[in-house]
Amino acid sequence: MVRKLFDCPTALVSLVEEDEQWFKARDGFNISRTPRDYSLCAHTIMSDESLVICDTLSDPKFSNYPVAINDPNIRFYVGSPINSFIRLQDWKFMWYRLRRSRTTFR
């Protein structure tokens, strides 16, 4: 449903731990966990604001991230922290091509 609403190929809810991130709910993504070093989500949970990366390859902070330059080749990323007792989770949408955002994610 979320993928259809935002016209995106992947929607995830993740739990970020010290060394790994676990995808607790996933649609359009067959990996269940990755190292935290690969995690764009680890940046998302550090703020109260949504993280929107319009082009991972042209963003100096994320252009060398393994998930941007290797499989799954994430190009456009939107993540937002889930506010709970402690901030370890976020939801995210990912696209594997550039797109112009017609939706406000913030």
C-alpha atoms as a PDB file:
ATOM      1  CA  MET A   1       0.000   0.000   0.000  1.00  0.00           C
ATOM      2  CA  VAL A   2       2.755   2.468   0.942  1.00  0.00           C
ATOM      3  CA  ARG A   3       4.759   1.628  -2.175  1.00  0.00           C
ATOM      4  CA  LYS A   4       1.724   2.379  -4.316  1.00  0.00           C
ATOM      5  CA  LEU A   5       0.938   5.611  -2.451  1.00  0.00           C
ATOM      6  CA  PHE A   6       4.453   7.003  -2.983  1.00  0.00           C
ATOM      7  CA  ASP A   7       5.139   5.222  -6.286  1.00  0.00           C
ATOM      8  CA  CYS A   8       8.325   3.670  -4.940  1.00  0.00           C
ATOM      9  CA  PRO A   9       9.822   0.218  -5.387  1.00  0.00           C
ATOM     10  CA  THR A  10      10.842  -0.254  -1.733  1.00  0.00           C
ATOM     11  CA  ALA A  11       9.327   0.583   1.650  1.00  0.00           C
ATOM     12  CA  LEU A  12      10.958  -0.502   4.922  1.00  0.00           C
ATOM     13  CA  VAL A  13      10.761  -0.164   8.682  1.00  0.00           C
ATOM     14  CA  SER A  14      14.121  -0.749  10.293  1.00  0.00           C
ATOM     15  CA  LEU A  15      15.597  -1.225  13.724  1.00  0.00           C
ATOM     16  CA  VAL A  16      19.128   0.179  14.008  1.00  0.00           C
ATOM     17  CA  GLU A  17      21.424  -1.445  16.523  1.00  0.00           C
ATOM     18  CA  GLU A  18      25.064  -0.821  17.396  1.00  0.00           C
ATOM     19  CA  ASP A  19      26.499  -2.943  14.573  1.00  0.00           C
ATOM     20  CA  GLU A  20      23.543  -3.802  12.331  1.00  0.00           C
ATOM     21  CA  GLN A  21      20.232  -2.632  11.019  1.00  0.00           C
ATOM     22  CA  TRP A  22      17.335  -5.072  10.823  1.00  0.00           C
ATOM     23  CA  PHE A  23      14.430  -4.605   8.432  1.00  0.00           C
ATOM     24  CA  LYS A  24      11.431  -5.479  10.574  1.00  0.00           C
ATOM     25  CA  ALA A  25       8.900  -4.789   7.818  1.00  0.00           C
ATOM     26  CA  ARG A  26       9.857  -4.721   4.173  1.00  0.00           C
ATOM     27  CA  ASP A  27       8.119  -4.547   0.850  1.00  0.00           C
ATOM     28  CA  GLY A  28      10.116  -4.748  -2.353  1.00  0.00           C
ATOM     29  CA  PHE A  29      13.378  -5.624  -0.605  1.00  0.00           C
ATOM     30  CA  ASN A  30      14.650  -9.151  -0.009  1.00  0.00           C
ATOM     31  CA  ILE A  31      17.466  -8.393   2.456  1.00  0.00           C
ATOM     32  CA  SER A  32      16.614  -8.757   6.156  1.00  0.00           C
ATOM     33  CA  ARG A  33      19.626  -6.944   7.660  1.00  0.00           C
ATOM     34  CA  THR A  34      22.801  -5.050   6.773  1.00  0.00           C
ATOM     35  CA  PRO A  35      25.839  -3.746   8.664  1.00  0.00           C
ATOM     36  CA  ARG A  36      25.227  -0.377  10.289  1.00  0.00           C
ATOM     37  CA  ASP A  37      28.123   1.001   8.198  1.00  0.00           C
ATOM     38  CA  TYR A  38      25.849   0.572   5.157  1.00  0.00           C
ATOM     39  CA  SER A  39      22.944   2.274   6.865  1.00  0.00           C
ATOM     40  CA  LEU A  40      21.422   5.521   5.685  1.00  0.00           C
ATOM     41  CA  CYS A  41      18.940   4.880   8.491  1.00  0.00           C
ATOM     42  CA  ALA A  42      21.644   5.379  11.108  1.00  0.00           C
ATOM     43  CA  HIS A  43      21.706   9.046  10.019  1.00  0.00           C
ATOM     44  CA  THR A  44      17.924   9.298   9.986  1.00  0.00           C
ATOM     45  CA  ILE A  45      17.509   8.292  13.630  1.00  0.00           C
ATOM     46  CA  MET A  46      19.985  10.942  14.787  1.00  0.00           C
ATOM     47  CA  SER A  47      17.531  13.756  14.039  1.00  0.00           C
ATOM     48  CA  ASP A  48      13.912  14.686  14.663  1.00  0.00           C
ATOM     49  CA  GLU A  49      13.564  15.594  10.984  1.00  0.00           C
ATOM     50  CA  SER A  50      13.080  13.422   7.938  1.00  0.00           C
ATOM     51  CA  LEU A  51      16.160  12.745   5.867  1.00  0.00           C
ATOM     52  CA  VAL A  52      15.684  13.284   2.132  1.00  0.00           C
ATOM     53  CA  ILE A  53      18.578  12.497  -0.207  1.00  0.00           C
ATOM     54  CA  CYS A  54      17.557  13.432  -3.746  1.00  0.00           C
ATOM     55  CA  ASP A  55      20.640  11.902  -5.370  1.00  0.00           C
ATOM     56  CA  THR A  56      22.904   9.731  -3.261  1.00  0.00           C
ATOM     57  CA  LEU A  57      25.651   9.785  -5.897  1.00  0.00           C
ATOM     58  CA  SER A  58      25.899  13.575  -5.972  1.00  0.00           C
ATOM     59  CA  ASP A  59      25.585  14.063  -2.207  1.00  0.00           C
ATOM     60  CA  PRO A  60      29.102  14.437  -0.752  1.00  0.00           C
ATOM     61  CA  LYS A  61      28.123  12.727   2.500  1.00  0.00           C
ATOM     62  CA  PHE A  62      26.589   9.646   0.869  1.00  0.00           C
ATOM     63  CA  SER A  63      28.183   9.315  -2.585  1.00  0.00           C
ATOM     64  CA  ASN A  64      30.603   6.604  -1.414  1.00  0.00           C
ATOM     65  CA  TYR A  65      28.104   4.630   0.659  1.00  0.00           C
ATOM     66  CA  PRO A  66      28.040   0.951  -0.291  1.00  0.00           C
ATOM     67  CA  VAL A  67      24.247   0.995  -0.850  1.00  0.00           C
ATOM     68  CA  ALA A  68      24.632   3.877  -3.294  1.00  0.00           C
ATOM     69  CA  ILE A  69      27.540   2.569  -5.376  1.00  0.00           C
ATOM     70  CA  ASN A  70      26.782  -1.177  -5.068  1.00  0.00           C
ATOM     71  CA  ASP A  71      23.662  -3.292  -5.032  1.00  0.00           C
ATOM     72  CA  PRO A  72      20.924  -2.178  -4.319  1.00  0.00           C
ATOM     73  CA  ASN A  73      22.136   1.139  -5.889  1.00  0.00           C
ATOM     74  CA  ILE A  74      19.859   3.484  -3.944  1.00  0.00           C
ATOM     75  CA  ARG A  75      19.586   6.854  -5.674  1.00  0.00           C
ATOM     76  CA  PHE A  76      16.687   8.646  -3.957  1.00  0.00           C
ATOM     77  CA  TYR A  77      16.072   8.080  -0.238  1.00  0.00           C
ATOM     78  CA  VAL A  78      13.484   9.318   2.233  1.00  0.00           C
ATOM     79  CA  GLY A  79      13.625   8.265   5.875  1.00  0.00           C
ATOM     80  CA  SER A  80      11.912   9.506   8.993  1.00  0.00           C
ATOM     81  CA  PRO A  81      12.551   8.556  12.621  1.00  0.00           C
ATOM     82  CA  ILE A  82       9.857   6.746  14.543  1.00  0.00           C
ATOM     83  CA  ASN A  83       9.555   8.603  17.824  1.00  0.00           C
ATOM     84  CA  SER A  84       9.360   6.203  20.718  1.00  0.00           C
ATOM     85  CA  PHE A  85      10.996   5.824  24.116  1.00  0.00           C
ATOM     86  CA  ILE A  86      14.391   5.472  22.455  1.00  0.00           C
ATOM     87  CA  ARG A  87      15.069   6.246  18.829  1.00  0.00           C
ATOM     88  CA  LEU A  88      16.219   3.064  17.159  1.00  0.00           C
ATOM     89  CA  GLN A  89      13.688   2.779  14.355  1.00  0.00           C
ATOM     90  CA  ASP A  90      12.749   4.581  11.199  1.00  0.00           C
ATOM     91  CA  TRP A  91      10.581   4.127   8.149  1.00  0.00           C
ATOM     92  CA  LYS A  92      11.971   4.723   4.721  1.00  0.00           C
ATOM     93  CA  PHE A  93      11.256   4.715   1.028  1.00  0.00           C
ATOM     94  CA  MET A  94      13.943   4.099  -1.569  1.00  0.00           C
ATOM     95  CA  TRP A  95      14.140   4.500  -5.305  1.00  0.00           C
ATOM     96  CA  TYR A  96      16.800   3.067  -7.582  1.00  0.00           C
ATOM     97  CA  ARG A  97      16.600   5.912 -10.079  1.00  0.00           C
ATOM     98  CA  LEU A  98      16.489   9.668  -9.821  1.00  0.00           C
ATOM     99  CA  ARG A  99      13.084  11.237  -9.467  1.00  0.00           C
ATOM    100  CA  ARG A 100      11.556  14.613  -9.018  1.00  0.00           C
ATOM    101  CA  SER A 101       9.703  14.778  -5.782  1.00  0.00           C
ATOM    102  CA  ARG A 102       6.091  15.909  -6.144  1.00  0.00           C
ATOM    103  CA  THR A 103       5.430  14.889  -2.566  1.00  0.00           C
ATOM    104  CA  THR A 104       6.518  16.747   0.532  1.00  0.00           C
ATOM    105  CA  PHE A 105       8.221  14.310   2.878  1.00  0.00           C
ATOM    106  CA  ARG A 106       9.147  16.689   5.673  1.00  0.00           C
END
